[in-house]
Amino acid sequence: MHFAGAGLDYISFLWDSPDLYNTLTVKSGVRDVQSFTLGPTSLNFAVTNGNQTFSQYVEFFGLGGAEITDLIFSSTQDAFEATNFTVTAVPEPETYALMLTGLGAVGFMARRRRNV
């Protein structure tokens, strides 16, 4: 799962029925890309045998200005299950410019109304 454009500040999801043959690679960073490959044991899941009644929420944050750019779900058995994704995208510079323009317009109108 590649995040085109801006990366993500945060992502979480429900990892369903985790097995030892499932791994997740998280890539982050803009210039210096860091990559972390994780599995049910490295995430300290209580169950790692594919039990269909077990699921575990996992969450990742882009720290120190780094953005999450890729999630790579891998399974040697074609059985990776994940649901309930929640993401927070990094705002693009245009978003900040538009927000500042709107705040400036509100301030201008408030000042104009006070002077009239």
PDB file of N, CA and C in Angstrom:
ATOM      1  N   MET A   1       0.859  -1.141   0.000  1.00  0.00           N
ATOM      2  CA  MET A   1       0.000   0.000   0.000  1.00  0.00           C
ATOM      3  C   MET A   1       0.921   1.222   0.000  1.00  0.00           C
ATOM      4  N   HIS A   2       0.992   1.919  -1.116  1.00  0.00           N
ATOM      5  CA  HIS A   2       1.834   3.111  -1.219  1.00  0.00           C
ATOM      6  C   HIS A   2       0.942   4.341  -1.101  1.00  0.00           C
ATOM      7  N   PHE A   3       1.402   5.335  -0.359  1.00  0.00           N
ATOM      8  CA  PHE A   3       0.619   6.546  -0.149  1.00  0.00           C
ATOM      9  C   PHE A   3       1.173   7.634  -1.052  1.00  0.00           C
ATOM     10  N   ALA A   4       0.526   7.816  -2.194  1.00  0.00           N
ATOM     11  CA  ALA A   4       0.980   8.794  -3.183  1.00  0.00           C
ATOM     12  C   ALA A   4       0.825  10.204  -2.629  1.00  0.00           C
ATOM     13  N   GLY A   5       1.683  11.100  -3.076  1.00  0.00           N
ATOM     14  CA  GLY A   5       1.629  12.484  -2.586  1.00  0.00           C
ATOM     15  C   GLY A   5       2.168  12.536  -1.172  1.00  0.00           C
ATOM     16  N   ALA A   6       1.403  13.163  -0.308  1.00  0.00           N
ATOM     17  CA  ALA A   6       1.825  13.277   1.094  1.00  0.00           C
ATOM     18  C   ALA A   6       1.722  11.924   1.780  1.00  0.00           C
ATOM     19  N   GLY A   7       2.638  11.671   2.695  1.00  0.00           N
ATOM     20  CA  GLY A   7       2.588  10.439   3.469  1.00  0.00           C
ATOM     21  C   GLY A   7       1.565  10.555   4.583  1.00  0.00           C
ATOM     22  N   LEU A   8       1.672   9.678   5.544  1.00  0.00           N
ATOM     23  CA  LEU A   8       0.733   9.649   6.664  1.00  0.00           C
ATOM     24  C   LEU A   8       1.452   9.967   7.966  1.00  0.00           C
ATOM     25  N   ASP A   9       0.761  10.684   8.844  1.00  0.00           N
ATOM     26  CA  ASP A   9       1.248  10.909  10.203  1.00  0.00           C
ATOM     27  C   ASP A   9       0.947   9.702  11.087  1.00  0.00           C
ATOM     28  N   TYR A  10      -0.154   9.004  10.776  1.00  0.00           N
ATOM     29  CA  TYR A  10      -0.652   7.969  11.666  1.00  0.00           C
ATOM     30  C   TYR A  10      -1.458   6.964  10.865  1.00  0.00           C
ATOM     31  N   ILE A  11      -1.339   5.705  11.223  1.00  0.00           N
ATOM     32  CA  ILE A  11      -2.215   4.670  10.667  1.00  0.00           C
ATOM     33  C   ILE A  11      -2.417   3.594  11.728  1.00  0.00           C
ATOM     34  N   SER A  12      -3.635   3.092  11.809  1.00  0.00           N
ATOM     35  CA  SER A  12      -3.919   1.967  12.703  1.00  0.00           C
ATOM     36  C   SER A  12      -4.883   1.037  11.982  1.00  0.00           C
ATOM     37  N   PHE A  13      -4.851  -0.224  12.379  1.00  0.00           N
ATOM     38  CA  PHE A  13      -5.773  -1.192  11.803  1.00  0.00           C
ATOM     39  C   PHE A  13      -5.859  -2.408  12.707  1.00  0.00           C
ATOM     40  N   LEU A  14      -6.851  -3.233  12.438  1.00  0.00           N
ATOM     41  CA  LEU A  14      -7.076  -4.457  13.189  1.00  0.00           C
ATOM     42  C   LEU A  14      -6.431  -5.603  12.417  1.00  0.00           C
ATOM     43  N   TRP A  15      -5.425  -6.240  13.007  1.00  0.00           N
ATOM     44  CA  TRP A  15      -4.734  -7.378  12.396  1.00  0.00           C
ATOM     45  C   TRP A  15      -5.495  -8.609  12.865  1.00  0.00           C
ATOM     46  N   ASP A  16      -6.196  -9.255  11.941  1.00  0.00           N
ATOM     47  CA  ASP A  16      -7.052 -10.395  12.276  1.00  0.00           C
ATOM     48  C   ASP A  16      -6.304 -11.713  12.147  1.00  0.00           C
ATOM     49  N   SER A  17      -6.617 -12.656  13.008  1.00  0.00           N
ATOM     50  CA  SER A  17      -6.083 -14.022  13.039  1.00  0.00           C
ATOM     51  C   SER A  17      -4.613 -14.094  12.608  1.00  0.00           C
ATOM     52  N   PRO A  18      -3.719 -13.462  13.377  1.00  0.00           N
ATOM     53  CA  PRO A  18      -2.302 -13.417  12.993  1.00  0.00           C
ATOM     54  C   PRO A  18      -1.639 -14.794  12.994  1.00  0.00           C
ATOM     55  N   ASP A  19      -0.820 -14.997  11.974  1.00  0.00           N
ATOM     56  CA  ASP A  19      -0.026 -16.215  11.831  1.00  0.00           C
ATOM     57  C   ASP A  19       1.440 -15.848  11.783  1.00  0.00           C
ATOM     58  N   LEU A  20       2.316 -16.790  12.057  1.00  0.00           N
ATOM     59  CA  LEU A  20       3.757 -16.542  12.014  1.00  0.00           C
ATOM     60  C   LEU A  20       4.267 -16.293  10.601  1.00  0.00           C
ATOM     61  N   TYR A  21       3.511 -16.691   9.594  1.00  0.00           N
ATOM     62  CA  TYR A  21       3.949 -16.469   8.213  1.00  0.00           C
ATOM     63  C   TYR A  21       3.485 -15.123   7.651  1.00  0.00           C
ATOM     64  N   ASN A  22       2.863 -14.288   8.475  1.00  0.00           N
ATOM     65  CA  ASN A  22       2.457 -12.943   8.060  1.00  0.00           C
ATOM     66  C   ASN A  22       3.458 -11.917   8.566  1.00  0.00           C
ATOM     67  N   THR A  23       3.846 -10.980   7.714  1.00  0.00           N
ATOM     68  CA  THR A  23       4.720  -9.879   8.132  1.00  0.00           C
ATOM     69  C   THR A  23       4.211  -8.578   7.530  1.00  0.00           C
ATOM     70  N   LEU A  24       4.594  -7.508   8.170  1.00  0.00           N
ATOM     71  CA  LEU A  24       4.243  -6.172   7.720  1.00  0.00           C
ATOM     72  C   LEU A  24       5.520  -5.345   7.689  1.00  0.00           C
ATOM     73  N   THR A  25       5.779  -4.709   6.555  1.00  0.00           N
ATOM     74  CA  THR A  25       6.920  -3.810   6.443  1.00  0.00           C
ATOM     75  C   THR A  25       6.392  -2.386   6.393  1.00  0.00           C
ATOM     76  N   VAL A  26       6.882  -1.552   7.295  1.00  0.00           N
ATOM     77  CA  VAL A  26       6.489  -0.143   7.374  1.00  0.00           C
ATOM     78  C   VAL A  26       7.684   0.683   6.918  1.00  0.00           C
ATOM     79  N   LYS A  27       7.462   1.528   5.906  1.00  0.00           N
ATOM     80  CA  LYS A  27       8.523   2.419   5.435  1.00  0.00           C
ATOM     81  C   LYS A  27       8.141   3.844   5.787  1.00  0.00           C
ATOM     82  N   SER A  28       9.125   4.599   6.248  1.00  0.00           N
ATOM     83  CA  SER A  28       8.873   5.988   6.604  1.00  0.00           C
ATOM     84  C   SER A  28      10.078   6.826   6.246  1.00  0.00           C
ATOM     85  N   GLY A  29       9.858   8.144   6.247  1.00  0.00           N
ATOM     86  CA  GLY A  29      10.938   9.075   5.937  1.00  0.00           C
ATOM     87  C   GLY A  29      10.750   9.677   4.561  1.00  0.00           C
ATOM     88  N   VAL A  30      11.389  10.800   4.351  1.00  0.00           N
ATOM     89  CA  VAL A  30      11.310  11.485   3.062  1.00  0.00           C
ATOM     90  C   VAL A  30      12.603  11.263   2.297  1.00  0.00           C
ATOM     91  N   ARG A  31      13.712  11.705   2.857  1.00  0.00           N
ATOM     92  CA  ARG A  31      15.004  11.503   2.205  1.00  0.00           C
ATOM     93  C   ARG A  31      15.675  10.224   2.659  1.00  0.00           C
ATOM     94  N   ASP A  32      15.739  10.032   3.955  1.00  0.00           N
ATOM     95  CA  ASP A  32      16.347   8.828   4.525  1.00  0.00           C
ATOM     96  C   ASP A  32      15.237   7.848   4.864  1.00  0.00           C
ATOM     97  N   VAL A  33      14.988   6.925   3.958  1.00  0.00           N
ATOM     98  CA  VAL A  33      13.899   5.978   4.156  1.00  0.00           C
ATOM     99  C   VAL A  33      14.316   4.921   5.173  1.00  0.00           C
ATOM    100  N   GLN A  34      13.463   4.743   6.159  1.00  0.00           N
ATOM    101  CA  GLN A  34      13.656   3.711   7.170  1.00  0.00           C
ATOM    102  C   GLN A  34      12.616   2.631   6.933  1.00  0.00           C
ATOM    103  N   SER A  35      13.004   1.397   7.125  1.00  0.00           N
ATOM    104  CA  SER A  35      12.113   0.280   6.889  1.00  0.00           C
ATOM    105  C   SER A  35      12.130  -0.646   8.100  1.00  0.00           C
ATOM    106  N   PHE A  36      10.940  -1.023   8.561  1.00  0.00           N
ATOM    107  CA  PHE A  36      10.804  -1.918   9.704  1.00  0.00           C
ATOM    108  C   PHE A  36       9.903  -3.074   9.283  1.00  0.00           C
ATOM    109  N   THR A  37      10.379  -4.304   9.437  1.00  0.00           N
ATOM    110  CA  THR A  37       9.560  -5.474   9.146  1.00  0.00           C
ATOM    111  C   THR A  37       9.153  -6.100  10.474  1.00  0.00           C
ATOM    112  N   LEU A  38       7.840  -6.248  10.634  1.00  0.00           N
ATOM    113  CA  LEU A  38       7.272  -6.697  11.906  1.00  0.00           C
ATOM    114  C   LEU A  38       6.379  -7.902  11.677  1.00  0.00           C
ATOM    115  N   GLY A  39       6.281  -8.724  12.693  1.00  0.00           N
ATOM    116  CA  GLY A  39       5.385  -9.869  12.666  1.00  0.00           C
ATOM    117  C   GLY A  39       4.665  -9.991  13.993  1.00  0.00           C
ATOM    118  N   PRO A  40       3.779 -10.966  14.113  1.00  0.00           N
ATOM    119  CA  PRO A  40       3.029 -11.136  15.355  1.00  0.00           C
ATOM    120  C   PRO A  40       3.911 -11.312  16.598  1.00  0.00           C
ATOM    121  N   THR A  41       5.050 -11.982  16.464  1.00  0.00           N
ATOM    122  CA  THR A  41       5.905 -12.171  17.643  1.00  0.00           C
ATOM    123  C   THR A  41       6.636 -10.878  18.004  1.00  0.00           C
ATOM    124  N   SER A  42       7.118 -10.133  17.012  1.00  0.00           N
ATOM    125  CA  SER A  42       7.822  -8.882  17.324  1.00  0.00           C
ATOM    126  C   SER A  42       6.872  -7.816  17.858  1.00  0.00           C
ATOM    127  N   LEU A  43       5.578  -7.964  17.582  1.00  0.00           N
ATOM    128  CA  LEU A  43       4.573  -7.042  18.123  1.00  0.00           C
ATOM    129  C   LEU A  43       3.948  -7.574  19.415  1.00  0.00           C
ATOM    130  N   ASN A  44       4.486  -8.677  19.917  1.00  0.00           N
ATOM    131  CA  ASN A  44       4.037  -9.282  21.182  1.00  0.00           C
ATOM    132  C   ASN A  44       2.556  -9.648  21.200  1.00  0.00           C
ATOM    133  N   PHE A  45       2.051 -10.205  20.090  1.00  0.00           N
ATOM    134  CA  PHE A  45       0.668 -10.671  20.070  1.00  0.00           C
ATOM    135  C   PHE A  45       0.540 -11.876  20.991  1.00  0.00           C
ATOM    136  N   ALA A  46      -0.589 -11.977  21.665  1.00  0.00           N
ATOM    137  CA  ALA A  46      -0.834 -13.110  22.571  1.00  0.00           C
ATOM    138  C   ALA A  46      -1.074 -14.400  21.792  1.00  0.00           C
ATOM    139  N   VAL A  47      -1.570 -14.281  20.563  1.00  0.00           N
ATOM    140  CA  VAL A  47      -1.882 -15.445  19.735  1.00  0.00           C
ATOM    141  C   VAL A  47      -1.161 -15.292  18.399  1.00  0.00           C
ATOM    142  N   THR A  48      -0.493 -16.349  17.935  1.00  0.00           N
ATOM    143  CA  THR A  48       0.226 -16.295  16.654  1.00  0.00           C
ATOM    144  C   THR A  48      -0.034 -17.534  15.800  1.00  0.00           C
ATOM    145  N   ASN A  49      -1.128 -18.237  16.067  1.00  0.00           N
ATOM    146  CA  ASN A  49      -1.398 -19.490  15.365  1.00  0.00           C
ATOM    147  C   ASN A  49      -2.559 -19.400  14.375  1.00  0.00           C
ATOM    148  N   GLY A  50      -2.967 -18.191  13.999  1.00  0.00           N
ATOM    149  CA  GLY A  50      -4.054 -18.038  13.038  1.00  0.00           C
ATOM    150  C   GLY A  50      -5.436 -18.226  13.615  1.00  0.00           C
ATOM    151  N   ASN A  51      -5.563 -18.198  14.917  1.00  0.00           N
ATOM    152  CA  ASN A  51      -6.860 -18.360  15.572  1.00  0.00           C
ATOM    153  C   ASN A  51      -7.841 -17.316  15.030  1.00  0.00           C
ATOM    154  N   GLN A  52      -8.947 -17.785  14.444  1.00  0.00           N
ATOM    155  CA  GLN A  52      -9.924 -16.907  13.810  1.00  0.00           C
ATOM    156  C   GLN A  52     -10.682 -16.024  14.803  1.00  0.00           C
ATOM    157  N   THR A  53     -10.610 -16.333  16.094  1.00  0.00           N
ATOM    158  CA  THR A  53     -11.334 -15.532  17.085  1.00  0.00           C
ATOM    159  C   THR A  53     -10.469 -14.435  17.696  1.00  0.00           C
ATOM    160  N   PHE A  54      -9.189 -14.362  17.297  1.00  0.00           N
ATOM    161  CA  PHE A  54      -8.282 -13.369  17.873  1.00  0.00           C
ATOM    162  C   PHE A  54      -7.950 -12.296  16.852  1.00  0.00           C
ATOM    163  N   SER A  55      -7.907 -11.048  17.321  1.00  0.00           N
ATOM    164  CA  SER A  55      -7.445  -9.933  16.491  1.00  0.00           C
ATOM    165  C   SER A  55      -6.775  -8.920  17.415  1.00  0.00           C
ATOM    166  N   GLN A  56      -5.915  -8.105  16.841  1.00  0.00           N
ATOM    167  CA  GLN A  56      -5.130  -7.160  17.631  1.00  0.00           C
ATOM    168  C   GLN A  56      -5.016  -5.850  16.861  1.00  0.00           C
ATOM    169  N   TYR A  57      -5.319  -4.729  17.531  1.00  0.00           N
ATOM    170  CA  TYR A  57      -5.095  -3.424  16.904  1.00  0.00           C
ATOM    171  C   TYR A  57      -3.608  -3.088  16.931  1.00  0.00           C
ATOM    172  N   VAL A  58      -3.122  -2.544  15.837  1.00  0.00           N
ATOM    173  CA  VAL A  58      -1.759  -2.039  15.770  1.00  0.00           C
ATOM    174  C   VAL A  58      -1.827  -0.599  15.269  1.00  0.00           C
ATOM    175  N   GLU A  59      -0.873   0.216  15.686  1.00  0.00           N
ATOM    176  CA  GLU A  59      -0.844   1.603  15.241  1.00  0.00           C
ATOM    177  C   GLU A  59       0.599   2.051  15.058  1.00  0.00           C
ATOM    178  N   PHE A  60       0.776   2.929  14.095  1.00  0.00           N
ATOM    179  CA  PHE A  60       2.099   3.446  13.774  1.00  0.00           C
ATOM    180  C   PHE A  60       2.006   4.957  13.618  1.00  0.00           C
ATOM    181  N   PHE A  61       3.018   5.647  14.127  1.00  0.00           N
ATOM    182  CA  PHE A  61       3.095   7.100  14.049  1.00  0.00           C
ATOM    183  C   PHE A  61       4.338   7.493  13.268  1.00  0.00           C
ATOM    184  N   GLY A  62       4.227   8.536  12.438  1.00  0.00           N
ATOM    185  CA  GLY A  62       5.404   9.130  11.822  1.00  0.00           C
ATOM    186  C   GLY A  62       6.013  10.092  12.830  1.00  0.00           C
ATOM    187  N   LEU A  63       7.178   9.772  13.349  1.00  0.00           N
ATOM    188  CA  LEU A  63       7.779  10.571  14.406  1.00  0.00           C
ATOM    189  C   LEU A  63       8.892  11.467  13.875  1.00  0.00           C
ATOM    190  N   GLY A  64       9.112  12.582  14.525  1.00  0.00           N
ATOM    191  CA  GLY A  64      10.212  13.472  14.173  1.00  0.00           C
ATOM    192  C   GLY A  64      10.110  14.027  12.772  1.00  0.00           C
ATOM    193  N   GLY A  65       8.911  14.270  12.296  1.00  0.00           N
ATOM    194  CA  GLY A  65       8.719  14.830  10.962  1.00  0.00           C
ATOM    195  C   GLY A  65       8.734  13.794   9.855  1.00  0.00           C
ATOM    196  N   ALA A  66       9.021  12.538  10.169  1.00  0.00           N
ATOM    197  CA  ALA A  66       9.007  11.485   9.150  1.00  0.00           C
ATOM    198  C   ALA A  66       7.563  11.101   8.849  1.00  0.00           C
ATOM    199  N   GLU A  67       7.308  10.766   7.611  1.00  0.00           N
ATOM    200  CA  GLU A  67       5.982  10.353   7.183  1.00  0.00           C
ATOM    201  C   GLU A  67       5.998   8.869   6.865  1.00  0.00           C
ATOM    202  N   ILE A  68       4.890   8.204   7.120  1.00  0.00           N
ATOM    203  CA  ILE A  68       4.748   6.812   6.727  1.00  0.00           C
ATOM    204  C   ILE A  68       4.424   6.822   5.238  1.00  0.00           C
ATOM    205  N   THR A  69       5.263   6.178   4.439  1.00  0.00           N
ATOM    206  CA  THR A  69       5.099   6.232   2.987  1.00  0.00           C
ATOM    207  C   THR A  69       4.595   4.933   2.379  1.00  0.00           C
ATOM    208  N   ASP A  70       4.866   3.811   3.027  1.00  0.00           N
ATOM    209  CA  ASP A  70       4.461   2.514   2.483  1.00  0.00           C
ATOM    210  C   ASP A  70       4.133   1.536   3.599  1.00  0.00           C
ATOM    211  N   LEU A  71       3.142   0.695   3.335  1.00  0.00           N
ATOM    212  CA  LEU A  71       2.875  -0.486   4.144  1.00  0.00           C
ATOM    213  C   LEU A  71       2.898  -1.670   3.188  1.00  0.00           C
ATOM    214  N   ILE A  72       3.699  -2.664   3.494  1.00  0.00           N
ATOM    215  CA  ILE A  72       3.782  -3.839   2.635  1.00  0.00           C
ATOM    216  C   ILE A  72       3.339  -5.051   3.446  1.00  0.00           C
ATOM    217  N   PHE A  73       2.179  -5.589   3.094  1.00  0.00           N
ATOM    218  CA  PHE A  73       1.629  -6.757   3.763  1.00  0.00           C
ATOM    219  C   PHE A  73       2.138  -7.997   3.035  1.00  0.00           C
ATOM    220  N   SER A  74       2.760  -8.918   3.763  1.00  0.00           N
ATOM    221  CA  SER A  74       3.321 -10.124   3.148  1.00  0.00           C
ATOM    222  C   SER A  74       2.828 -11.355   3.881  1.00  0.00           C
ATOM    223  N   SER A  75       2.588 -12.400   3.100  1.00  0.00           N
ATOM    224  CA  SER A  75       2.193 -13.677   3.679  1.00  0.00           C
ATOM    225  C   SER A  75       2.655 -14.781   2.747  1.00  0.00           C
ATOM    226  N   THR A  76       3.318 -15.774   3.290  1.00  0.00           N
ATOM    227  CA  THR A  76       3.729 -16.906   2.469  1.00  0.00           C
ATOM    228  C   THR A  76       2.564 -17.847   2.187  1.00  0.00           C
ATOM    229  N   GLN A  77       1.420 -17.623   2.839  1.00  0.00           N
ATOM    230  CA  GLN A  77       0.243 -18.477   2.654  1.00  0.00           C
ATOM    231  C   GLN A  77      -0.931 -17.717   2.033  1.00  0.00           C
ATOM    232  N   ASP A  78      -0.716 -16.493   1.535  1.00  0.00           N
ATOM    233  CA  ASP A  78      -1.787 -15.667   0.956  1.00  0.00           C
ATOM    234  C   ASP A  78      -2.973 -15.535   1.899  1.00  0.00           C
ATOM    235  N   ALA A  79      -2.695 -15.221   3.161  1.00  0.00           N
ATOM    236  CA  ALA A  79      -3.771 -15.189   4.153  1.00  0.00           C
ATOM    237  C   ALA A  79      -3.606 -14.051   5.149  1.00  0.00           C
ATOM    238  N   PHE A  80      -3.256 -12.866   4.700  1.00  0.00           N
ATOM    239  CA  PHE A  80      -3.118 -11.726   5.600  1.00  0.00           C
ATOM    240  C   PHE A  80      -4.491 -11.069   5.741  1.00  0.00           C
ATOM    241  N   GLU A  81      -4.973 -10.947   6.966  1.00  0.00           N
ATOM    242  CA  GLU A  81      -6.279 -10.350   7.212  1.00  0.00           C
ATOM    243  C   GLU A  81      -6.122  -9.075   8.017  1.00  0.00           C
ATOM    244  N   ALA A  82      -6.701  -7.973   7.519  1.00  0.00           N
ATOM    245  CA  ALA A  82      -6.652  -6.686   8.220  1.00  0.00           C
ATOM    246  C   ALA A  82      -7.916  -5.904   7.898  1.00  0.00           C
ATOM    247  N   THR A  83      -8.454  -5.206   8.894  1.00  0.00           N
ATOM    248  CA  THR A  83      -9.672  -4.403   8.715  1.00  0.00           C
ATOM    249  C   THR A  83      -9.581  -3.142   9.566  1.00  0.00           C
ATOM    250  N   ASN A  84     -10.614  -2.300   9.466  1.00  0.00           N
ATOM    251  CA  ASN A  84     -10.787  -1.105  10.298  1.00  0.00           C
ATOM    252  C   ASN A  84      -9.589  -0.156  10.237  1.00  0.00           C
ATOM    253  N   PHE A  85      -9.205   0.242   9.047  1.00  0.00           N
ATOM    254  CA  PHE A  85      -8.079   1.157   8.887  1.00  0.00           C
ATOM    255  C   PHE A  85      -8.473   2.572   9.288  1.00  0.00           C
ATOM    256  N   THR A  86      -7.599   3.238  10.031  1.00  0.00           N
ATOM    257  CA  THR A  86      -7.742   4.649  10.380  1.00  0.00           C
ATOM    258  C   THR A  86      -6.444   5.332  10.004  1.00  0.00           C
ATOM    259  N   VAL A  87      -6.549   6.418   9.232  1.00  0.00           N
ATOM    260  CA  VAL A  87      -5.339   7.119   8.797  1.00  0.00           C
ATOM    261  C   VAL A  87      -5.469   8.607   9.049  1.00  0.00           C
ATOM    262  N   THR A  88      -4.337   9.263   9.255  1.00  0.00           N
ATOM    263  CA  THR A  88      -4.266  10.713   9.340  1.00  0.00           C
ATOM    264  C   THR A  88      -3.195  11.152   8.355  1.00  0.00           C
ATOM    265  N   ALA A  89      -3.633  11.823   7.310  1.00  0.00           N
ATOM    266  CA  ALA A  89      -2.700  12.251   6.270  1.00  0.00           C
ATOM    267  C   ALA A  89      -1.959  13.516   6.691  1.00  0.00           C
ATOM    268  N   VAL A  90      -0.773  13.675   6.159  1.00  0.00           N
ATOM    269  CA  VAL A  90       0.008  14.885   6.381  1.00  0.00           C
ATOM    270  C   VAL A  90      -0.557  15.964   5.464  1.00  0.00           C
ATOM    271  N   PRO A  91      -0.976  17.116   6.006  1.00  0.00           N
ATOM    272  CA  PRO A  91      -1.516  18.168   5.146  1.00  0.00           C
ATOM    273  C   PRO A  91      -0.464  18.682   4.162  1.00  0.00           C
ATOM    274  N   GLU A  92      -0.909  18.957   2.951  1.00  0.00           N
ATOM    275  CA  GLU A  92      -0.008  19.519   1.961  1.00  0.00           C
ATOM    276  C   GLU A  92       0.128  21.016   2.205  1.00  0.00           C
ATOM    277  N   PRO A  93       1.190  21.650   1.714  1.00  0.00           N
ATOM    278  CA  PRO A  93       1.395  23.085   1.945  1.00  0.00           C
ATOM    279  C   PRO A  93       0.211  23.939   1.483  1.00  0.00           C
ATOM    280  N   GLU A  94      -0.459  23.531   0.419  1.00  0.00           N
ATOM    281  CA  GLU A  94      -1.618  24.295  -0.063  1.00  0.00           C
ATOM    282  C   GLU A  94      -2.729  24.350   0.980  1.00  0.00           C
ATOM    283  N   THR A  95      -2.854  23.287   1.767  1.00  0.00           N
ATOM    284  CA  THR A  95      -3.872  23.250   2.822  1.00  0.00           C
ATOM    285  C   THR A  95      -3.586  24.322   3.867  1.00  0.00           C
ATOM    286  N   TYR A  96      -2.334  24.454   4.271  1.00  0.00           N
ATOM    287  CA  TYR A  96      -1.962  25.477   5.236  1.00  0.00           C
ATOM    288  C   TYR A  96      -2.184  26.875   4.657  1.00  0.00           C
ATOM    289  N   ALA A  97      -1.837  27.083   3.393  1.00  0.00           N
ATOM    290  CA  ALA A  97      -2.029  28.389   2.764  1.00  0.00           C
ATOM    291  C   ALA A  97      -3.507  28.757   2.720  1.00  0.00           C
ATOM    292  N   LEU A  98      -4.351  27.809   2.373  1.00  0.00           N
ATOM    293  CA  LEU A  98      -5.789  28.066   2.330  1.00  0.00           C
ATOM    294  C   LEU A  98      -6.332  28.364   3.718  1.00  0.00           C
ATOM    295  N   MET A  99      -5.863  27.648   4.724  1.00  0.00           N
ATOM    296  CA  MET A  99      -6.314  27.885   6.094  1.00  0.00           C
ATOM    297  C   MET A  99      -5.896  29.280   6.566  1.00  0.00           C
ATOM    298  N   LEU A 100      -4.664  29.688   6.289  1.00  0.00           N
ATOM    299  CA  LEU A 100      -4.197  31.025   6.678  1.00  0.00           C
ATOM    300  C   LEU A 100      -4.955  32.124   5.949  1.00  0.00           C
ATOM    301  N   THR A 101      -5.275  31.896   4.680  1.00  0.00           N
ATOM    302  CA  THR A 101      -6.068  32.862   3.924  1.00  0.00           C
ATOM    303  C   THR A 101      -7.452  33.020   4.553  1.00  0.00           C
ATOM    304  N   GLY A 102      -8.064  31.903   4.927  1.00  0.00           N
ATOM    305  CA  GLY A 102      -9.384  31.952   5.563  1.00  0.00           C
ATOM    306  C   GLY A 102      -9.345  32.663   6.908  1.00  0.00           C
ATOM    307  N   LEU A 103      -8.328  32.400   7.709  1.00  0.00           N
ATOM    308  CA  LEU A 103      -8.205  33.090   8.994  1.00  0.00           C
ATOM    309  C   LEU A 103      -7.969  34.584   8.804  1.00  0.00           C
ATOM    310  N   GLY A 104      -7.175  34.925   7.791  1.00  0.00           N
ATOM    311  CA  GLY A 104      -6.943  36.339   7.488  1.00  0.00           C
ATOM    312  C   GLY A 104      -8.230  37.043   7.074  1.00  0.00           C
ATOM    313  N   ALA A 105      -9.053  36.367   6.266  1.00  0.00           N
ATOM    314  CA  ALA A 105     -10.323  36.955   5.830  1.00  0.00           C
ATOM    315  C   ALA A 105     -11.269  37.146   7.012  1.00  0.00           C
ATOM    316  N   VAL A 106     -11.313  36.181   7.915  1.00  0.00           N
ATOM    317  CA  VAL A 106     -12.167  36.302   9.109  1.00  0.00           C
ATOM    318  C   VAL A 106     -11.687  37.468   9.964  1.00  0.00           C
ATOM    319  N   GLY A 107     -10.371  37.608  10.154  1.00  0.00           N
ATOM    320  CA  GLY A 107      -9.820  38.723  10.926  1.00  0.00           C
ATOM    321  C   GLY A 107     -10.118  40.062  10.280  1.00  0.00           C
ATOM    322  N   PHE A 108      -9.996  40.131   8.959  1.00  0.00           N
ATOM    323  CA  PHE A 108     -10.290  41.372   8.223  1.00  0.00           C
ATOM    324  C   PHE A 108     -11.748  41.762   8.392  1.00  0.00           C
ATOM    325  N   MET A 109     -12.663  40.796   8.255  1.00  0.00           N
ATOM    326  CA  MET A 109     -14.098  41.091   8.387  1.00  0.00           C
ATOM    327  C   MET A 109     -14.439  41.515   9.819  1.00  0.00           C
ATOM    328  N   ALA A 110     -13.818  40.889  10.810  1.00  0.00           N
ATOM    329  CA  ALA A 110     -14.082  41.265  12.207  1.00  0.00           C
ATOM    330  C   ALA A 110     -13.603  42.690  12.478  1.00  0.00           C
ATOM    331  N   ARG A 111     -12.439  43.028  11.975  1.00  0.00           N
ATOM    332  CA  ARG A 111     -11.911  44.378  12.165  1.00  0.00           C
ATOM    333  C   ARG A 111     -12.769  45.408  11.424  1.00  0.00           C
ATOM    334  N   ARG A 112     -13.181  45.061  10.214  1.00  0.00           N
ATOM    335  CA  ARG A 112     -14.017  45.984   9.412  1.00  0.00           C
ATOM    336  C   ARG A 112     -15.353  46.217  10.116  1.00  0.00           C
ATOM    337  N   ARG A 113     -15.942  45.150  10.647  1.00  0.00           N
ATOM    338  CA  ARG A 113     -17.230  45.269  11.325  1.00  0.00           C
ATOM    339  C   ARG A 113     -17.108  46.125  12.583  1.00  0.00           C
ATOM    340  N   ARG A 114     -15.970  46.020  13.289  1.00  0.00           N
ATOM    341  CA  ARG A 114     -15.749  46.787  14.509  1.00  0.00           C
ATOM    342  C   ARG A 114     -15.602  48.286  14.195  1.00  0.00           C
ATOM    343  N   ASN A 115     -15.004  48.610  13.049  1.00  0.00           N
ATOM    344  CA  ASN A 115     -14.755  50.012  12.674  1.00  0.00           C
ATOM    345  C   ASN A 115     -15.973  50.678  12.059  1.00  0.00           C
ATOM    346  N   VAL A 116     -16.960  49.956  11.686  1.00  0.00           N
ATOM    347  CA  VAL A 116     -18.152  50.543  11.037  1.00  0.00           C
ATOM    348  C   VAL A 116     -19.186  50.910  12.041  1.00  0.00           C
TER     349      VAL A 116
END
